[in-house]
C-alpha atoms as a PDB file:
ATOM      1  CA  UNK A   1      33.250  -8.382  22.652  1.00  0.00           C
ATOM      2  CA  UNK A   2      30.795  -5.660  23.993  1.00  0.00           C
ATOM      3  CA  UNK A   3      31.045  -4.827  28.044  1.00  0.00           C
ATOM      4  CA  UNK A   4      28.729  -6.778  30.492  1.00  0.00           C
ATOM      5  CA  UNK A   5      27.015  -3.665  31.625  1.00  0.00           C
ATOM      6  CA  UNK A   6      26.013  -2.717  28.236  1.00  0.00           C
ATOM      7  CA  UNK A   7      23.749  -5.886  28.078  1.00  0.00           C
ATOM      8  CA  UNK A   8      22.410  -5.015  31.129  1.00  0.00           C
ATOM      9  CA  UNK A   9      21.913  -0.998  30.311  1.00  0.00           C
ATOM     10  CA  UNK A  10      19.835  -2.299  27.077  1.00  0.00           C
ATOM     11  CA  UNK A  11      17.928  -4.650  29.265  1.00  0.00           C
ATOM     12  CA  UNK A  12      16.693  -1.821  32.042  1.00  0.00           C
ATOM     13  CA  UNK A  13      15.908   0.522  28.833  1.00  0.00           C
ATOM     14  CA  UNK A  14      13.442  -1.958  27.651  1.00  0.00           C
ATOM     15  CA  UNK A  15      11.954  -2.644  30.722  1.00  0.00           C
ATOM     16  CA  UNK A  16      11.516   1.243  31.305  1.00  0.00           C
ATOM     17  CA  UNK A  17       9.920   1.064  27.911  1.00  0.00           C
ATOM     18  CA  UNK A  18       7.621  -1.092  28.620  1.00  0.00           C
ATOM     19  CA  UNK A  19       6.776   0.220  31.726  1.00  0.00           C
ATOM     20  CA  UNK A  20       5.751   2.957  29.830  1.00  0.00           C
ATOM     21  CA  UNK A  21       3.150   1.795  27.595  1.00  0.00           C
ATOM     22  CA  UNK A  22      -0.357   1.829  28.266  1.00  0.00           C
ATOM     23  CA  UNK A  23      -1.939  -1.604  29.526  1.00  0.00           C
ATOM     24  CA  UNK A  24      -3.366  -2.779  26.231  1.00  0.00           C
ATOM     25  CA  UNK A  25       0.060  -2.003  24.539  1.00  0.00           C
ATOM     26  CA  UNK A  26       1.979  -3.998  27.470  1.00  0.00           C
ATOM     27  CA  UNK A  27      -0.685  -6.817  26.774  1.00  0.00           C
ATOM     28  CA  UNK A  28       0.438  -6.838  22.764  1.00  0.00           C
ATOM     29  CA  UNK A  29       4.096  -6.735  23.745  1.00  0.00           C
ATOM     30  CA  UNK A  30       3.636 -10.088  25.470  1.00  0.00           C
ATOM     31  CA  UNK A  31       0.903 -11.917  23.531  1.00  0.00           C
ATOM     32  CA  UNK A  32       1.213 -10.858  20.272  1.00  0.00           C
ATOM     33  CA  UNK A  33       0.810 -13.996  17.602  1.00  0.00           C
ATOM     34  CA  UNK A  34       3.292 -13.946  14.603  1.00  0.00           C
ATOM     35  CA  UNK A  35       2.293 -16.892  12.857  1.00  0.00           C
ATOM     36  CA  UNK A  36      -0.221 -15.719  10.404  1.00  0.00           C
ATOM     37  CA  UNK A  37      -2.232 -18.975  10.255  1.00  0.00           C
ATOM     38  CA  UNK A  38      -2.433 -18.959  13.779  1.00  0.00           C
ATOM     39  CA  UNK A  39      -3.248 -15.122  14.258  1.00  0.00           C
ATOM     40  CA  UNK A  40      -6.078 -15.498  11.079  1.00  0.00           C
ATOM     41  CA  UNK A  41      -7.467 -18.528  12.520  1.00  0.00           C
ATOM     42  CA  UNK A  42      -7.727 -16.549  16.256  1.00  0.00           C
ATOM     43  CA  UNK A  43      -9.510 -13.982  14.267  1.00  0.00           C
ATOM     44  CA  UNK A  44     -11.815 -16.015  12.463  1.00  0.00           C
ATOM     45  CA  UNK A  45     -12.873 -18.013  15.466  1.00  0.00           C
ATOM     46  CA  UNK A  46     -13.414 -14.756  17.530  1.00  0.00           C
ATOM     47  CA  UNK A  47     -15.324 -13.176  14.892  1.00  0.00           C
ATOM     48  CA  UNK A  48     -17.703 -16.093  14.350  1.00  0.00           C
ATOM     49  CA  UNK A  49     -18.179 -16.291  17.692  1.00  0.00           C
ATOM     50  CA  UNK A  50     -19.241 -12.335  18.188  1.00  0.00           C
ATOM     51  CA  UNK A  51     -21.347 -12.772  14.852  1.00  0.00           C
ATOM     52  CA  UNK A  52     -23.581 -15.750  16.148  1.00  0.00           C
ATOM     53  CA  UNK A  53     -23.438 -14.371  19.629  1.00  0.00           C
ATOM     54  CA  UNK A  54     -25.183 -10.863  18.366  1.00  0.00           C
ATOM     55  CA  UNK A  55     -27.138 -12.846  15.356  1.00  0.00           C
ATOM     56  CA  UNK A  56     -28.627 -15.491  17.411  1.00  0.00           C
ATOM     57  CA  UNK A  57     -29.525 -12.918  19.847  1.00  0.00           C
ATOM     58  CA  UNK A  58     -31.607 -10.903  17.091  1.00  0.00           C
ATOM     59  CA  UNK A  59     -33.699 -14.009  16.132  1.00  0.00           C
ATOM     60  CA  UNK A  60     -34.375 -15.120  19.551  1.00  0.00           C
ATOM     61  CA  UNK A  61     -35.567 -11.929  20.594  1.00  0.00           C
ATOM     62  CA  UNK A  62     -38.106 -11.724  17.695  1.00  0.00           C
ATOM     63  CA  UNK A  63     -39.307 -15.464  18.201  1.00  0.00           C
ATOM     64  CA  UNK A  64     -39.271 -15.539  22.063  1.00  0.00           C
ATOM     65  CA  UNK A  65     -41.035 -12.202  22.528  1.00  0.00           C
ATOM     66  CA  UNK A  66     -43.670 -13.513  19.824  1.00  0.00           C
ATOM     67  CA  UNK A  67     -42.632 -11.381  17.337  1.00  0.00           C
ATOM     68  CA  UNK A  68     -43.341  -8.134  19.433  1.00  0.00           C
ATOM     69  CA  UNK A  69     -39.928  -6.870  20.020  1.00  0.00           C
ATOM     70  CA  UNK A  70     -38.322  -6.930  16.900  1.00  0.00           C
ATOM     71  CA  UNK A  71     -39.651  -7.047  13.053  1.00  0.00           C
ATOM     72  CA  UNK A  72     -38.704  -8.840   9.949  1.00  0.00           C
ATOM     73  CA  UNK A  73     -36.625  -5.796   9.091  1.00  0.00           C
ATOM     74  CA  UNK A  74     -34.863  -5.290  12.122  1.00  0.00           C
ATOM     75  CA  UNK A  75     -33.573  -8.778  11.785  1.00  0.00           C
ATOM     76  CA  UNK A  76     -32.256  -7.659   8.454  1.00  0.00           C
ATOM     77  CA  UNK A  77     -30.556  -4.471   9.948  1.00  0.00           C
ATOM     78  CA  UNK A  78     -29.130  -6.121  12.635  1.00  0.00           C
ATOM     79  CA  UNK A  79     -27.361  -9.175  11.083  1.00  0.00           C
ATOM     80  CA  UNK A  80     -26.128  -6.340   8.732  1.00  0.00           C
ATOM     81  CA  UNK A  81     -24.998  -4.655  11.404  1.00  0.00           C
ATOM     82  CA  UNK A  82     -23.288  -7.824  13.156  1.00  0.00           C
ATOM     83  CA  UNK A  83     -21.534  -8.725   9.786  1.00  0.00           C
ATOM     84  CA  UNK A  84     -20.242  -4.718   9.456  1.00  0.00           C
ATOM     85  CA  UNK A  85     -18.879  -4.563  12.944  1.00  0.00           C
ATOM     86  CA  UNK A  86     -17.371  -7.733  13.298  1.00  0.00           C
ATOM     87  CA  UNK A  87     -15.599  -7.835  10.037  1.00  0.00           C
ATOM     88  CA  UNK A  88     -14.126  -4.749  10.784  1.00  0.00           C
ATOM     89  CA  UNK A  89     -12.937  -6.237  14.251  1.00  0.00           C
ATOM     90  CA  UNK A  90     -10.698  -8.596  12.108  1.00  0.00           C
ATOM     91  CA  UNK A  91     -10.678  -6.343   8.941  1.00  0.00           C
ATOM     92  CA  UNK A  92      -6.645  -6.050   9.723  1.00  0.00           C
ATOM     93  CA  UNK A  93      -5.902  -9.713  10.346  1.00  0.00           C
ATOM     94  CA  UNK A  94      -7.685 -12.802   8.592  1.00  0.00           C
ATOM     95  CA  UNK A  95     -10.158 -10.043   6.844  1.00  0.00           C
ATOM     96  CA  UNK A  96     -13.318 -11.705   8.173  1.00  0.00           C
ATOM     97  CA  UNK A  97     -14.655 -14.508   6.458  1.00  0.00           C
ATOM     98  CA  UNK A  98     -16.400 -15.996   9.003  1.00  0.00           C
ATOM     99  CA  UNK A  99     -18.323 -17.947   6.227  1.00  0.00           C
ATOM    100  CA  UNK A 100     -16.817 -21.395   4.841  1.00  0.00           C
ATOM    101  CA  UNK A 101     -18.398 -20.311   1.593  1.00  0.00           C
ATOM    102  CA  UNK A 102     -16.422 -16.988   1.211  1.00  0.00           C
ATOM    103  CA  UNK A 103     -13.242 -19.004   2.211  1.00  0.00           C
ATOM    104  CA  UNK A 104     -13.810 -21.720  -0.152  1.00  0.00           C
ATOM    105  CA  UNK A 105     -14.609 -18.821  -2.891  1.00  0.00           C
ATOM    106  CA  UNK A 106     -11.103 -17.418  -1.594  1.00  0.00           C
ATOM    107  CA  UNK A 107      -9.290 -20.465  -2.314  1.00  0.00           C
ATOM    108  CA  UNK A 108     -10.463 -20.794  -5.704  1.00  0.00           C
ATOM    109  CA  UNK A 109      -9.458 -17.114  -6.533  1.00  0.00           C
ATOM    110  CA  UNK A 110      -5.898 -17.905  -5.109  1.00  0.00           C
ATOM    111  CA  UNK A 111      -5.863 -15.625  -2.001  1.00  0.00           C
ATOM    112  CA  UNK A 112      -6.260 -18.527   0.387  1.00  0.00           C
ATOM    113  CA  UNK A 113      -4.591 -21.528   0.406  1.00  0.00           C
ATOM    114  CA  UNK A 114      -6.237 -25.191   0.696  1.00  0.00           C
ATOM    115  CA  UNK A 115      -4.409 -25.505   4.007  1.00  0.00           C
ATOM    116  CA  UNK A 116      -5.806 -22.274   5.788  1.00  0.00           C
ATOM    117  CA  UNK A 117      -9.368 -22.783   4.262  1.00  0.00           C
ATOM    118  CA  UNK A 118      -9.481 -26.028   6.348  1.00  0.00           C
ATOM    119  CA  UNK A 119      -8.253 -24.280   9.478  1.00  0.00           C
ATOM    120  CA  UNK A 120     -10.921 -21.379   8.821  1.00  0.00           C
ATOM    121  CA  UNK A 121     -13.522 -24.133   8.366  1.00  0.00           C
ATOM    122  CA  UNK A 122     -12.603 -25.620  11.820  1.00  0.00           C
ATOM    123  CA  UNK A 123     -12.630 -22.645  13.689  1.00  0.00           C
ATOM    124  CA  UNK A 124     -15.440 -20.761  12.469  1.00  0.00           C
ATOM    125  CA  UNK A 125     -17.991 -23.801  13.137  1.00  0.00           C
ATOM    126  CA  UNK A 126     -16.210 -23.915  16.492  1.00  0.00           C
ATOM    127  CA  UNK A 127     -16.966 -20.101  16.946  1.00  0.00           C
ATOM    128  CA  UNK A 128     -20.576 -20.451  15.974  1.00  0.00           C
ATOM    129  CA  UNK A 129     -21.072 -23.321  18.171  1.00  0.00           C
ATOM    130  CA  UNK A 130     -19.795 -21.146  21.184  1.00  0.00           C
ATOM    131  CA  UNK A 131     -21.426 -18.438  19.949  1.00  0.00           C
ATOM    132  CA  UNK A 132     -25.000 -20.174  19.897  1.00  0.00           C
ATOM    133  CA  UNK A 133     -24.160 -21.123  23.431  1.00  0.00           C
ATOM    134  CA  UNK A 134     -23.524 -18.102  24.630  1.00  0.00           C
ATOM    135  CA  UNK A 135     -26.640 -16.644  23.230  1.00  0.00           C
ATOM    136  CA  UNK A 136     -28.611 -19.586  24.676  1.00  0.00           C
ATOM    137  CA  UNK A 137     -27.234 -18.814  28.139  1.00  0.00           C
ATOM    138  CA  UNK A 138     -28.063 -15.254  28.019  1.00  0.00           C
ATOM    139  CA  UNK A 139     -31.921 -15.903  26.890  1.00  0.00           C
ATOM    140  CA  UNK A 140     -32.260 -19.255  28.881  1.00  0.00           C
ATOM    141  CA  UNK A 141     -34.995 -17.353  31.009  1.00  0.00           C
ATOM    142  CA  UNK A 142     -36.700 -16.331  28.332  1.00  0.00           C
ATOM    143  CA  UNK A 143     -36.918 -19.841  26.449  1.00  0.00           C
ATOM    144  CA  UNK A 144     -38.238 -21.046  29.999  1.00  0.00           C
ATOM    145  CA  UNK A 145     -40.692 -18.211  30.097  1.00  0.00           C
ATOM    146  CA  UNK A 146     -41.763 -19.187  26.369  1.00  0.00           C
ATOM    147  CA  UNK A 147     -41.544 -22.841  26.418  1.00  0.00           C
ATOM    148  CA  UNK A 148     -41.037 -24.175  29.833  1.00  0.00           C
ATOM    149  CA  UNK A 149     -39.012 -26.918  30.069  1.00  0.00           C
ATOM    150  CA  UNK A 150     -40.168 -27.971  25.978  1.00  0.00           C
ATOM    151  CA  UNK A 151     -37.389 -27.898  23.613  1.00  0.00           C
ATOM    152  CA  UNK A 152     -39.357 -28.425  20.377  1.00  0.00           C
ATOM    153  CA  UNK A 153     -38.507 -28.330  16.451  1.00  0.00           C
ATOM    154  CA  UNK A 154     -42.248 -27.731  15.398  1.00  0.00           C
ATOM    155  CA  UNK A 155     -45.473 -26.342  16.940  1.00  0.00           C
ATOM    156  CA  UNK A 156     -46.738 -23.611  19.075  1.00  0.00           C
ATOM    157  CA  UNK A 157     -43.760 -23.865  21.488  1.00  0.00           C
ATOM    158  CA  UNK A 158     -41.181 -24.219  18.800  1.00  0.00           C
ATOM    159  CA  UNK A 159     -38.047 -22.539  19.339  1.00  0.00           C
ATOM    160  CA  UNK A 160     -35.276 -24.551  17.442  1.00  0.00           C
ATOM    161  CA  UNK A 161     -35.641 -21.894  14.698  1.00  0.00           C
ATOM    162  CA  UNK A 162     -33.722 -19.386  17.260  1.00  0.00           C
ATOM    163  CA  UNK A 163     -30.570 -21.535  16.025  1.00  0.00           C
ATOM    164  CA  UNK A 164     -30.981 -22.634  12.523  1.00  0.00           C
ATOM    165  CA  UNK A 165     -33.139 -22.678   9.482  1.00  0.00           C
ATOM    166  CA  UNK A 166     -36.008 -24.808   9.116  1.00  0.00           C
ATOM    167  CA  UNK A 167     -38.056 -24.540   5.912  1.00  0.00           C
ATOM    168  CA  UNK A 168     -41.598 -24.633   6.197  1.00  0.00           C
ATOM    169  CA  UNK A 169     -43.542 -27.844   5.067  1.00  0.00           C
ATOM    170  CA  UNK A 170     -44.206 -26.140   1.578  1.00  0.00           C
ATOM    171  CA  UNK A 171     -40.622 -25.550   0.783  1.00  0.00           C
ATOM    172  CA  UNK A 172     -39.018 -28.374  -1.287  1.00  0.00           C
ATOM    173  CA  UNK A 173     -35.580 -29.553  -0.590  1.00  0.00           C
ATOM    174  CA  UNK A 174     -34.705 -28.520  -3.831  1.00  0.00           C
ATOM    175  CA  UNK A 175     -36.047 -25.130  -3.616  1.00  0.00           C
ATOM    176  CA  UNK A 176     -34.113 -24.891  -0.493  1.00  0.00           C
ATOM    177  CA  UNK A 177     -30.702 -26.138  -2.196  1.00  0.00           C
ATOM    178  CA  UNK A 178     -31.190 -23.209  -4.992  1.00  0.00           C
ATOM    179  CA  UNK A 179     -32.420 -20.885  -2.662  1.00  0.00           C
ATOM    180  CA  UNK A 180     -29.268 -21.168  -0.768  1.00  0.00           C
ATOM    181  CA  UNK A 181     -27.060 -21.244  -3.581  1.00  0.00           C
ATOM    182  CA  UNK A 182     -28.364 -18.250  -5.225  1.00  0.00           C
ATOM    183  CA  UNK A 183     -27.969 -16.106  -1.861  1.00  0.00           C
ATOM    184  CA  UNK A 184     -24.646 -17.149  -1.309  1.00  0.00           C
ATOM    185  CA  UNK A 185     -23.466 -16.626  -4.909  1.00  0.00           C
ATOM    186  CA  UNK A 186     -24.906 -12.817  -4.664  1.00  0.00           C
ATOM    187  CA  UNK A 187     -23.399 -12.427  -1.364  1.00  0.00           C
ATOM    188  CA  UNK A 188     -19.802 -13.687  -2.787  1.00  0.00           C
ATOM    189  CA  UNK A 189     -20.400 -12.032  -5.847  1.00  0.00           C
ATOM    190  CA  UNK A 190     -20.944  -8.530  -4.135  1.00  0.00           C
ATOM    191  CA  UNK A 191     -17.845  -9.182  -2.055  1.00  0.00           C
ATOM    192  CA  UNK A 192     -16.019  -9.546  -4.845  1.00  0.00           C
ATOM    193  CA  UNK A 193     -17.229  -6.752  -6.121  1.00  0.00           C
ATOM    194  CA  UNK A 194     -16.136  -4.734  -3.033  1.00  0.00           C
ATOM    195  CA  UNK A 195     -12.991  -6.262  -3.119  1.00  0.00           C
ATOM    196  CA  UNK A 196     -11.449  -5.385  -6.574  1.00  0.00           C
ATOM    197  CA  UNK A 197      -9.273  -2.865  -6.457  1.00  0.00           C
ATOM    198  CA  UNK A 198     -10.133  -2.100  -9.941  1.00  0.00           C
ATOM    199  CA  UNK A 199     -13.258  -0.566  -8.185  1.00  0.00           C
ATOM    200  CA  UNK A 200     -11.442   1.684  -6.296  1.00  0.00           C
ATOM    201  CA  UNK A 201     -13.651   1.336  -3.137  1.00  0.00           C
ATOM    202  CA  UNK A 202     -12.222   2.552   0.004  1.00  0.00           C
ATOM    203  CA  UNK A 203     -10.929  -0.311   2.433  1.00  0.00           C
ATOM    204  CA  UNK A 204     -12.362   1.269   5.091  1.00  0.00           C
ATOM    205  CA  UNK A 205     -15.680   0.865   3.757  1.00  0.00           C
ATOM    206  CA  UNK A 206     -15.643  -2.407   3.104  1.00  0.00           C
ATOM    207  CA  UNK A 207     -17.034  -4.347   6.056  1.00  0.00           C
ATOM    208  CA  UNK A 208     -19.888  -1.495   6.204  1.00  0.00           C
ATOM    209  CA  UNK A 209     -21.008  -2.462   2.308  1.00  0.00           C
ATOM    210  CA  UNK A 210     -20.559  -6.567   3.287  1.00  0.00           C
ATOM    211  CA  UNK A 211     -22.990  -5.682   6.480  1.00  0.00           C
ATOM    212  CA  UNK A 212     -25.055  -3.919   3.307  1.00  0.00           C
ATOM    213  CA  UNK A 213     -24.909  -6.808   1.223  1.00  0.00           C
ATOM    214  CA  UNK A 214     -26.358  -8.894   3.603  1.00  0.00           C
ATOM    215  CA  UNK A 215     -29.353  -7.108   4.733  1.00  0.00           C
ATOM    216  CA  UNK A 216     -30.132  -6.714   0.711  1.00  0.00           C
ATOM    217  CA  UNK A 217     -30.321 -10.374   0.259  1.00  0.00           C
ATOM    218  CA  UNK A 218     -32.406 -11.009   3.584  1.00  0.00           C
ATOM    219  CA  UNK A 219     -35.277  -8.177   2.472  1.00  0.00           C
ATOM    220  CA  UNK A 220     -35.142 -10.083  -0.841  1.00  0.00           C
ATOM    221  CA  UNK A 221     -34.472 -13.777  -0.024  1.00  0.00           C
ATOM    222  CA  UNK A 222     -35.421 -14.435   3.102  1.00  0.00           C
ATOM    223  CA  UNK A 223     -38.778 -15.899   2.978  1.00  0.00           C
ATOM    224  CA  UNK A 224     -37.582 -19.458   2.276  1.00  0.00           C
ATOM    225  CA  UNK A 225     -35.209 -20.334   4.824  1.00  0.00           C
ATOM    226  CA  UNK A 226     -34.124 -17.011   6.874  1.00  0.00           C
ATOM    227  CA  UNK A 227     -30.954 -16.812   4.869  1.00  0.00           C
ATOM    228  CA  UNK A 228     -28.287 -18.709   6.126  1.00  0.00           C
ATOM    229  CA  UNK A 229     -26.141 -18.423   3.456  1.00  0.00           C
ATOM    230  CA  UNK A 230     -22.815 -19.803   5.699  1.00  0.00           C
ATOM    231  CA  UNK A 231     -22.498 -23.238   6.254  1.00  0.00           C
ATOM    232  CA  UNK A 232     -20.848 -22.377   9.627  1.00  0.00           C
ATOM    233  CA  UNK A 233     -23.417 -20.019  10.573  1.00  0.00           C
ATOM    234  CA  UNK A 234     -26.454 -22.901  10.018  1.00  0.00           C
ATOM    235  CA  UNK A 235     -24.040 -25.723  11.329  1.00  0.00           C
ATOM    236  CA  UNK A 236     -22.390 -24.816  14.384  1.00  0.00           C
ATOM    237  CA  UNK A 237     -25.722 -23.281  15.848  1.00  0.00           C
ATOM    238  CA  UNK A 238     -27.469 -27.057  14.652  1.00  0.00           C
ATOM    239  CA  UNK A 239     -24.785 -29.241  16.594  1.00  0.00           C
ATOM    240  CA  UNK A 240     -25.479 -26.946  20.015  1.00  0.00           C
ATOM    241  CA  UNK A 241     -29.014 -27.259  19.581  1.00  0.00           C
ATOM    242  CA  UNK A 242     -29.007 -31.158  19.122  1.00  0.00           C
ATOM    243  CA  UNK A 243     -28.397 -31.521  22.703  1.00  0.00           C
ATOM    244  CA  UNK A 244     -31.333 -29.699  23.553  1.00  0.00           C
ATOM    245  CA  UNK A 245     -33.748 -30.636  20.720  1.00  0.00           C
ATOM    246  CA  UNK A 246     -32.322 -34.205  19.639  1.00  0.00           C
ATOM    247  CA  UNK A 247     -32.215 -35.503  16.671  1.00  0.00           C
ATOM    248  CA  UNK A 248     -35.050 -33.912  14.739  1.00  0.00           C
ATOM    249  CA  UNK A 249     -32.548 -30.798  13.984  1.00  0.00           C
ATOM    250  CA  UNK A 250     -30.769 -33.042  11.373  1.00  0.00           C
ATOM    251  CA  UNK A 251     -34.041 -35.213  10.448  1.00  0.00           C
ATOM    252  CA  UNK A 252     -36.171 -32.459   9.887  1.00  0.00           C
ATOM    253  CA  UNK A 253     -37.716 -32.414   6.279  1.00  0.00           C
ATOM    254  CA  UNK A 254     -36.058 -35.501   4.978  1.00  0.00           C
ATOM    255  CA  UNK A 255     -32.631 -34.625   6.227  1.00  0.00           C
ATOM    256  CA  UNK A 256     -32.799 -30.912   4.984  1.00  0.00           C
ATOM    257  CA  UNK A 257     -29.693 -30.193   7.221  1.00  0.00           C
ATOM    258  CA  UNK A 258     -27.046 -30.272   4.657  1.00  0.00           C
ATOM    259  CA  UNK A 259     -28.099 -28.287   2.225  1.00  0.00           C
ATOM    260  CA  UNK A 260     -27.537 -24.853   3.869  1.00  0.00           C
ATOM    261  CA  UNK A 261     -23.834 -26.431   4.663  1.00  0.00           C
ATOM    262  CA  UNK A 262     -23.129 -27.793   1.017  1.00  0.00           C
ATOM    263  CA  UNK A 263     -25.300 -25.443  -1.331  1.00  0.00           C
ATOM    264  CA  UNK A 264     -23.546 -22.319  -0.208  1.00  0.00           C
ATOM    265  CA  UNK A 265     -20.090 -23.607  -1.110  1.00  0.00           C
ATOM    266  CA  UNK A 266     -20.993 -23.962  -4.753  1.00  0.00           C
ATOM    267  CA  UNK A 267     -22.782 -20.755  -4.674  1.00  0.00           C
ATOM    268  CA  UNK A 268     -19.830 -18.745  -3.368  1.00  0.00           C
ATOM    269  CA  UNK A 269     -17.500 -20.198  -6.027  1.00  0.00           C
ATOM    270  CA  UNK A 270     -20.160 -19.577  -8.816  1.00  0.00           C
ATOM    271  CA  UNK A 271     -20.968 -16.119  -7.472  1.00  0.00           C
ATOM    272  CA  UNK A 272     -17.261 -15.247  -7.537  1.00  0.00           C
ATOM    273  CA  UNK A 273     -16.616 -16.459 -10.667  1.00  0.00           C
ATOM    274  CA  UNK A 274     -19.565 -14.905 -12.278  1.00  0.00           C
ATOM    275  CA  UNK A 275     -18.429 -11.451 -11.268  1.00  0.00           C
ATOM    276  CA  UNK A 276     -15.069 -12.030 -13.005  1.00  0.00           C
ATOM    277  CA  UNK A 277     -16.488 -13.466 -16.198  1.00  0.00           C
ATOM    278  CA  UNK A 278     -18.946 -10.870 -16.827  1.00  0.00           C
ATOM    279  CA  UNK A 279     -17.327  -7.514 -15.086  1.00  0.00           C
ATOM    280  CA  UNK A 280     -14.117  -8.103 -13.243  1.00  0.00           C
ATOM    281  CA  UNK A 281     -12.127  -9.245 -16.326  1.00  0.00           C
ATOM    282  CA  UNK A 282     -13.290  -6.594 -18.232  1.00  0.00           C
ATOM    283  CA  UNK A 283     -12.497  -3.471 -16.545  1.00  0.00           C
ATOM    284  CA  UNK A 284     -10.507  -1.355 -18.441  1.00  0.00           C
ATOM    285  CA  UNK A 285      -6.749  -0.156 -16.654  1.00  0.00           C
ATOM    286  CA  UNK A 286      -6.393   2.783 -15.044  1.00  0.00           C
ATOM    287  CA  UNK A 287      -4.173   5.099 -15.901  1.00  0.00           C
ATOM    288  CA  UNK A 288      -2.129   6.841 -12.780  1.00  0.00           C
ATOM    289  CA  UNK A 289      -2.341  10.494 -13.072  1.00  0.00           C
ATOM    290  CA  UNK A 290       0.876  11.938 -13.951  1.00  0.00           C
ATOM    291  CA  UNK A 291       2.375  15.467 -13.360  1.00  0.00           C
ATOM    292  CA  UNK A 292       5.170  16.795 -15.340  1.00  0.00           C
ATOM    293  CA  UNK A 293       7.443  20.093 -14.497  1.00  0.00           C
ATOM    294  CA  UNK A 294       8.227  22.239 -17.679  1.00  0.00           C
ATOM    295  CA  UNK A 295      11.616  23.768 -17.278  1.00  0.00           C
ATOM    296  CA  UNK A 296      13.544  26.522 -19.731  1.00  0.00           C
ATOM    297  CA  UNK A 297      16.645  26.296 -21.156  1.00  0.00           C
ATOM    298  CA  UNK A 298      18.568  26.797 -17.627  1.00  0.00           C
ATOM    299  CA  UNK A 299      16.540  23.753 -16.339  1.00  0.00           C
ATOM    300  CA  UNK A 300      14.140  26.190 -14.284  1.00  0.00           C
ATOM    301  CA  UNK A 301      10.654  25.372 -14.065  1.00  0.00           C
ATOM    302  CA  UNK A 302       7.929  27.111 -16.124  1.00  0.00           C
ATOM    303  CA  UNK A 303       4.817  25.626 -14.788  1.00  0.00           C
ATOM    304  CA  UNK A 304       2.890  22.558 -14.107  1.00  0.00           C
ATOM    305  CA  UNK A 305       0.769  20.797 -16.471  1.00  0.00           C
ATOM    306  CA  UNK A 306      -1.474  17.586 -16.125  1.00  0.00           C
ATOM    307  CA  UNK A 307      -0.867  14.882 -18.800  1.00  0.00           C
ATOM    308  CA  UNK A 308      -4.334  14.564 -20.698  1.00  0.00           C
END
């Protein structure tokens, strides 16, 4: 048996070690979550919250300033940067999906379990709801200045577009479905390009590339719906805005609301497998570089020669 004072000495040394840590490291030592699913769920919740808080702020600034403080390209650039920096935030935990369409594609690729997918979808949606609420609270005075007490989905004082997508009357629900299918397919296809190790894109560059992908899609196909291409991004704010605008947020355009929730799920899976079917599965394996040391009869090195 160890003497009692030995255990006490160890405890004292541990306390002294903790006392010398920086405040952030002290916090880490006390609250660090070690369960992988819980840790990833926390990251997905917080990252989606940040994404919506920033992204909706960009849209609100555009609409509530009568399109004077932002332009369409500002929206694309802003959302791209929001994606990049929020994904960087969670890159070492969940990887930063923040999008059920990305998550379900990862399930089909064997990179995420069904149980984890269900948890991700729940926390992503909750994060989107709270991010929407936070953005609204910060811009509440601007909403009141723009529309007074009116909270309308359509008309001159309409502000519901600050939260989620509403197609113009001339855009059919069929067009909307394929718009969301195609846009999300492009998103996930290029996500697969970036994360495929055979393409040798440095991991540190992945979040930036994801942001650029979103910018590209927005500048190409944002005209129909504003490219939500993310069920949580559209449904979360729509649920929050229901308490401001009423049932119109769900009944608008013959119950359009389900399209940006369902179509991206199919589009994401299609895009992921389209990449692997047409390109990913056919990338040749890279031979690792090898170096040989040539030796003489006495086992002394002569020179280095690279393997051709």
